[in-house]
Amino acid sequence: MAELRLALAHPLDAEHAPAFAADIVAEAASQGIELDYSVESLEYFDSVLESLRASGVTVEQVAEVLLGIGAYLGEVISRVDGGSWVSSAGTTLEKTAPLPIVLALSSGAYVDAASQPFVALRDGTTLVDFYRSI
């Protein structure tokens, strides 16, 4: 992923990852959409990503939104399956994760949930399929 300049409301670190998810939940709530951090709620974001893809937007145009969606995905994983946000430094994903945060699963594995919406927008994959693959 090319380096993006993001206008973020919080520092991009493990401590603040849940805040990015909370921000996107609040934005959805302001539009009458209730998100409950369930696996099923990921389908909403899959439809958002499909709409964005169909509209032809670039990653650069929606990077902050994609980061919020990625944080939400990570929060779903951590709440349903157990895990916590950590810095990618010193992990098995240190050289491949494009963002400085990854999710440490209770199994000891690491997943790059935060950047998955960027991949999904580009490749047409889904967040639900990513969740099922971990």
C-alpha atoms as a PDB file:
ATOM      1  CA  MET A   1       0.000   0.000   0.000  1.00  0.00           C
ATOM      2  CA  ALA A   2       1.410   3.394  -0.924  1.00  0.00           C
ATOM      3  CA  GLU A   3       1.941   5.776   1.958  1.00  0.00           C
ATOM      4  CA  LEU A   4      -1.181   7.782   2.640  1.00  0.00           C
ATOM      5  CA  ARG A   5      -1.503  11.059   4.467  1.00  0.00           C
ATOM      6  CA  LEU A   6      -4.398  10.627   6.811  1.00  0.00           C
ATOM      7  CA  ALA A   7      -6.316  13.252   8.761  1.00  0.00           C
ATOM      8  CA  LEU A   8      -7.034  11.192  11.860  1.00  0.00           C
ATOM      9  CA  ALA A   9      -8.979  12.020  15.010  1.00  0.00           C
ATOM     10  CA  HIS A  10      -6.713   9.782  17.126  1.00  0.00           C
ATOM     11  CA  PRO A  11      -3.111   8.596  17.046  1.00  0.00           C
ATOM     12  CA  LEU A  12      -2.715   5.486  14.890  1.00  0.00           C
ATOM     13  CA  ASP A  13      -1.622   3.096  17.610  1.00  0.00           C
ATOM     14  CA  ALA A  14      -2.921   0.037  19.444  1.00  0.00           C
ATOM     15  CA  GLU A  15      -4.280   2.054  22.357  1.00  0.00           C
ATOM     16  CA  HIS A  16      -6.518   4.142  20.091  1.00  0.00           C
ATOM     17  CA  ALA A  17      -7.685   1.455  17.634  1.00  0.00           C
ATOM     18  CA  PRO A  18     -10.968   0.902  19.525  1.00  0.00           C
ATOM     19  CA  ALA A  19     -11.665   4.648  19.295  1.00  0.00           C
ATOM     20  CA  PHE A  20     -11.565   4.489  15.485  1.00  0.00           C
ATOM     21  CA  ALA A  21     -14.151   1.696  15.643  1.00  0.00           C
ATOM     22  CA  ALA A  22     -16.302   3.663  18.084  1.00  0.00           C
ATOM     23  CA  ASP A  23     -16.154   6.674  15.768  1.00  0.00           C
ATOM     24  CA  ILE A  24     -17.486   4.693  12.818  1.00  0.00           C
ATOM     25  CA  VAL A  25     -20.207   3.152  14.995  1.00  0.00           C
ATOM     26  CA  ALA A  26     -21.235   6.662  16.077  1.00  0.00           C
ATOM     27  CA  GLU A  27     -21.271   7.870  12.468  1.00  0.00           C
ATOM     28  CA  ALA A  28     -23.475   4.931  11.464  1.00  0.00           C
ATOM     29  CA  ALA A  29     -25.786   5.614  14.424  1.00  0.00           C
ATOM     30  CA  SER A  30     -26.158   9.229  13.275  1.00  0.00           C
ATOM     31  CA  GLN A  31     -27.572   7.778  10.041  1.00  0.00           C
ATOM     32  CA  GLY A  32     -29.931   5.417  11.863  1.00  0.00           C
ATOM     33  CA  ILE A  33     -27.760   2.316  11.483  1.00  0.00           C
ATOM     34  CA  GLU A  34     -27.157   0.269  14.608  1.00  0.00           C
ATOM     35  CA  LEU A  35     -23.937  -1.727  14.733  1.00  0.00           C
ATOM     36  CA  ASP A  36     -23.424  -4.234  17.533  1.00  0.00           C
ATOM     37  CA  TYR A  37     -19.915  -5.629  16.911  1.00  0.00           C
ATOM     38  CA  SER A  38     -21.362  -8.951  15.758  1.00  0.00           C
ATOM     39  CA  VAL A  39     -20.023 -10.982  12.861  1.00  0.00           C
ATOM     40  CA  GLU A  40     -23.326 -10.357  11.087  1.00  0.00           C
ATOM     41  CA  SER A  41     -22.794  -6.604  11.320  1.00  0.00           C
ATOM     42  CA  LEU A  42     -19.759  -6.967   9.039  1.00  0.00           C
ATOM     43  CA  GLU A  43     -22.215  -7.514   6.187  1.00  0.00           C
ATOM     44  CA  TYR A  44     -23.186  -3.843   6.468  1.00  0.00           C
ATOM     45  CA  PHE A  45     -19.595  -2.792   5.822  1.00  0.00           C
ATOM     46  CA  ASP A  46     -19.291  -5.281   2.982  1.00  0.00           C
ATOM     47  CA  SER A  47     -22.215  -3.466   1.347  1.00  0.00           C
ATOM     48  CA  VAL A  48     -20.539  -0.102   2.023  1.00  0.00           C
ATOM     49  CA  LEU A  49     -17.335  -1.343   0.401  1.00  0.00           C
ATOM     50  CA  GLU A  50     -19.283  -2.655  -2.592  1.00  0.00           C
ATOM     51  CA  SER A  51     -20.972   0.735  -3.011  1.00  0.00           C
ATOM     52  CA  LEU A  52     -17.645   2.542  -2.762  1.00  0.00           C
ATOM     53  CA  ARG A  53     -16.098   0.190  -5.314  1.00  0.00           C
ATOM     54  CA  ALA A  54     -19.044   0.682  -7.688  1.00  0.00           C
ATOM     55  CA  SER A  55     -18.749   4.462  -7.387  1.00  0.00           C
ATOM     56  CA  GLY A  56     -15.120   4.336  -8.475  1.00  0.00           C
ATOM     57  CA  VAL A  57     -13.604   6.109  -5.464  1.00  0.00           C
ATOM     58  CA  THR A  58      -9.927   5.689  -4.757  1.00  0.00           C
ATOM     59  CA  VAL A  59      -8.365   4.481  -1.532  1.00  0.00           C
ATOM     60  CA  GLU A  60      -6.935   7.951  -1.057  1.00  0.00           C
ATOM     61  CA  GLN A  61     -10.411   9.487  -1.138  1.00  0.00           C
ATOM     62  CA  VAL A  62     -11.812   7.237   1.590  1.00  0.00           C
ATOM     63  CA  ALA A  63      -8.742   6.140   3.558  1.00  0.00           C
ATOM     64  CA  GLU A  64      -9.991   7.436   6.908  1.00  0.00           C
ATOM     65  CA  VAL A  65     -13.289   5.601   6.452  1.00  0.00           C
ATOM     66  CA  LEU A  66     -11.448   2.413   5.500  1.00  0.00           C
ATOM     67  CA  LEU A  67      -9.313   2.684   8.627  1.00  0.00           C
ATOM     68  CA  GLY A  68     -12.452   3.025  10.765  1.00  0.00           C
ATOM     69  CA  ILE A  69     -13.955  -0.023   9.094  1.00  0.00           C
ATOM     70  CA  GLY A  70     -10.738  -1.958   9.688  1.00  0.00           C
ATOM     71  CA  ALA A  71     -10.761  -0.988  13.349  1.00  0.00           C
ATOM     72  CA  TYR A  72     -14.384  -2.134  13.563  1.00  0.00           C
ATOM     73  CA  LEU A  73     -13.434  -5.469  11.972  1.00  0.00           C
ATOM     74  CA  GLY A  74     -10.674  -5.878  14.536  1.00  0.00           C
ATOM     75  CA  GLU A  75     -13.027  -5.060  17.379  1.00  0.00           C
ATOM     76  CA  VAL A  76     -15.508  -7.662  16.127  1.00  0.00           C
ATOM     77  CA  ILE A  77     -12.744 -10.260  16.033  1.00  0.00           C
ATOM     78  CA  SER A  78     -11.437  -9.342  19.488  1.00  0.00           C
ATOM     79  CA  ARG A  79     -14.909  -9.311  21.071  1.00  0.00           C
ATOM     80  CA  VAL A  80     -16.117 -12.537  19.463  1.00  0.00           C
ATOM     81  CA  ASP A  81     -12.927 -14.604  19.450  1.00  0.00           C
ATOM     82  CA  GLY A  82     -10.613 -12.863  21.887  1.00  0.00           C
ATOM     83  CA  GLY A  83      -7.654 -10.719  21.044  1.00  0.00           C
ATOM     84  CA  SER A  84      -6.155  -7.306  21.476  1.00  0.00           C
ATOM     85  CA  TRP A  85      -4.598  -4.567  19.393  1.00  0.00           C
ATOM     86  CA  VAL A  86      -0.806  -4.403  19.425  1.00  0.00           C
ATOM     87  CA  SER A  87       1.907  -2.585  17.531  1.00  0.00           C
ATOM     88  CA  SER A  88       2.973  -4.507  14.444  1.00  0.00           C
ATOM     89  CA  ALA A  89       6.614  -3.943  15.471  1.00  0.00           C
ATOM     90  CA  GLY A  90       8.131  -7.171  16.694  1.00  0.00           C
ATOM     91  CA  THR A  91       5.304  -9.352  15.343  1.00  0.00           C
ATOM     92  CA  THR A  92       5.294 -11.820  12.479  1.00  0.00           C
ATOM     93  CA  LEU A  93       3.461  -9.140  10.448  1.00  0.00           C
ATOM     94  CA  GLU A  94       6.016  -6.397  11.103  1.00  0.00           C
ATOM     95  CA  LYS A  95       7.352  -6.392   7.531  1.00  0.00           C
ATOM     96  CA  THR A  96       4.034  -6.970   5.738  1.00  0.00           C
ATOM     97  CA  ALA A  97       1.398  -4.998   7.643  1.00  0.00           C
ATOM     98  CA  PRO A  98       1.020  -1.610   5.955  1.00  0.00           C
ATOM     99  CA  LEU A  99      -0.362  -0.018   9.130  1.00  0.00           C
ATOM    100  CA  PRO A 100       1.423   0.044  12.503  1.00  0.00           C
ATOM    101  CA  ILE A 101      -1.310  -1.920  14.310  1.00  0.00           C
ATOM    102  CA  VAL A 102      -2.365  -5.556  14.144  1.00  0.00           C
ATOM    103  CA  LEU A 103      -4.612  -7.776  16.194  1.00  0.00           C
ATOM    104  CA  ALA A 104      -3.030 -10.383  18.470  1.00  0.00           C
ATOM    105  CA  LEU A 105      -5.448 -13.295  18.689  1.00  0.00           C
ATOM    106  CA  SER A 106      -5.910 -15.373  21.823  1.00  0.00           C
ATOM    107  CA  SER A 107      -4.366 -18.266  19.859  1.00  0.00           C
ATOM    108  CA  GLY A 108      -1.091 -16.358  19.614  1.00  0.00           C
ATOM    109  CA  ALA A 109      -1.483 -15.596  15.903  1.00  0.00           C
ATOM    110  CA  TYR A 110      -1.589 -12.090  14.462  1.00  0.00           C
ATOM    111  CA  VAL A 111      -4.039 -10.739  11.878  1.00  0.00           C
ATOM    112  CA  ASP A 112      -3.974  -7.508   9.944  1.00  0.00           C
ATOM    113  CA  ALA A 113      -7.608  -6.505  10.374  1.00  0.00           C
ATOM    114  CA  ALA A 114      -6.994  -2.761  10.110  1.00  0.00           C
ATOM    115  CA  SER A 115      -5.822  -2.858   6.499  1.00  0.00           C
ATOM    116  CA  GLN A 116      -8.334  -5.467   5.301  1.00  0.00           C
ATOM    117  CA  PRO A 117     -10.918  -2.898   4.073  1.00  0.00           C
ATOM    118  CA  PHE A 118      -8.209  -1.342   1.873  1.00  0.00           C
ATOM    119  CA  VAL A 119      -7.643  -4.792   0.338  1.00  0.00           C
ATOM    120  CA  ALA A 120     -11.374  -5.442   0.068  1.00  0.00           C
ATOM    121  CA  LEU A 121     -12.002  -2.165  -1.760  1.00  0.00           C
ATOM    122  CA  ARG A 122      -9.245  -2.931  -4.239  1.00  0.00           C
ATOM    123  CA  ASP A 123      -9.846  -6.674  -4.717  1.00  0.00           C
ATOM    124  CA  GLY A 124     -13.552  -7.146  -4.101  1.00  0.00           C
ATOM    125  CA  THR A 125     -13.049  -9.491  -1.166  1.00  0.00           C
ATOM    126  CA  THR A 126     -15.372  -9.325   1.828  1.00  0.00           C
ATOM    127  CA  LEU A 127     -14.842  -8.703   5.511  1.00  0.00           C
ATOM    128  CA  VAL A 128     -17.091 -11.636   6.350  1.00  0.00           C
ATOM    129  CA  ASP A 129     -14.839 -13.948   4.310  1.00  0.00           C
ATOM    130  CA  PHE A 130     -11.757 -12.495   6.013  1.00  0.00           C
ATOM    131  CA  TYR A 131     -13.332 -13.138   9.409  1.00  0.00           C
ATOM    132  CA  ARG A 132     -14.165 -16.723   8.448  1.00  0.00           C
ATOM    133  CA  SER A 133     -10.591 -17.298   7.258  1.00  0.00           C
ATOM    134  CA  ILE A 134      -8.960 -16.586  10.616  1.00  0.00           C
END
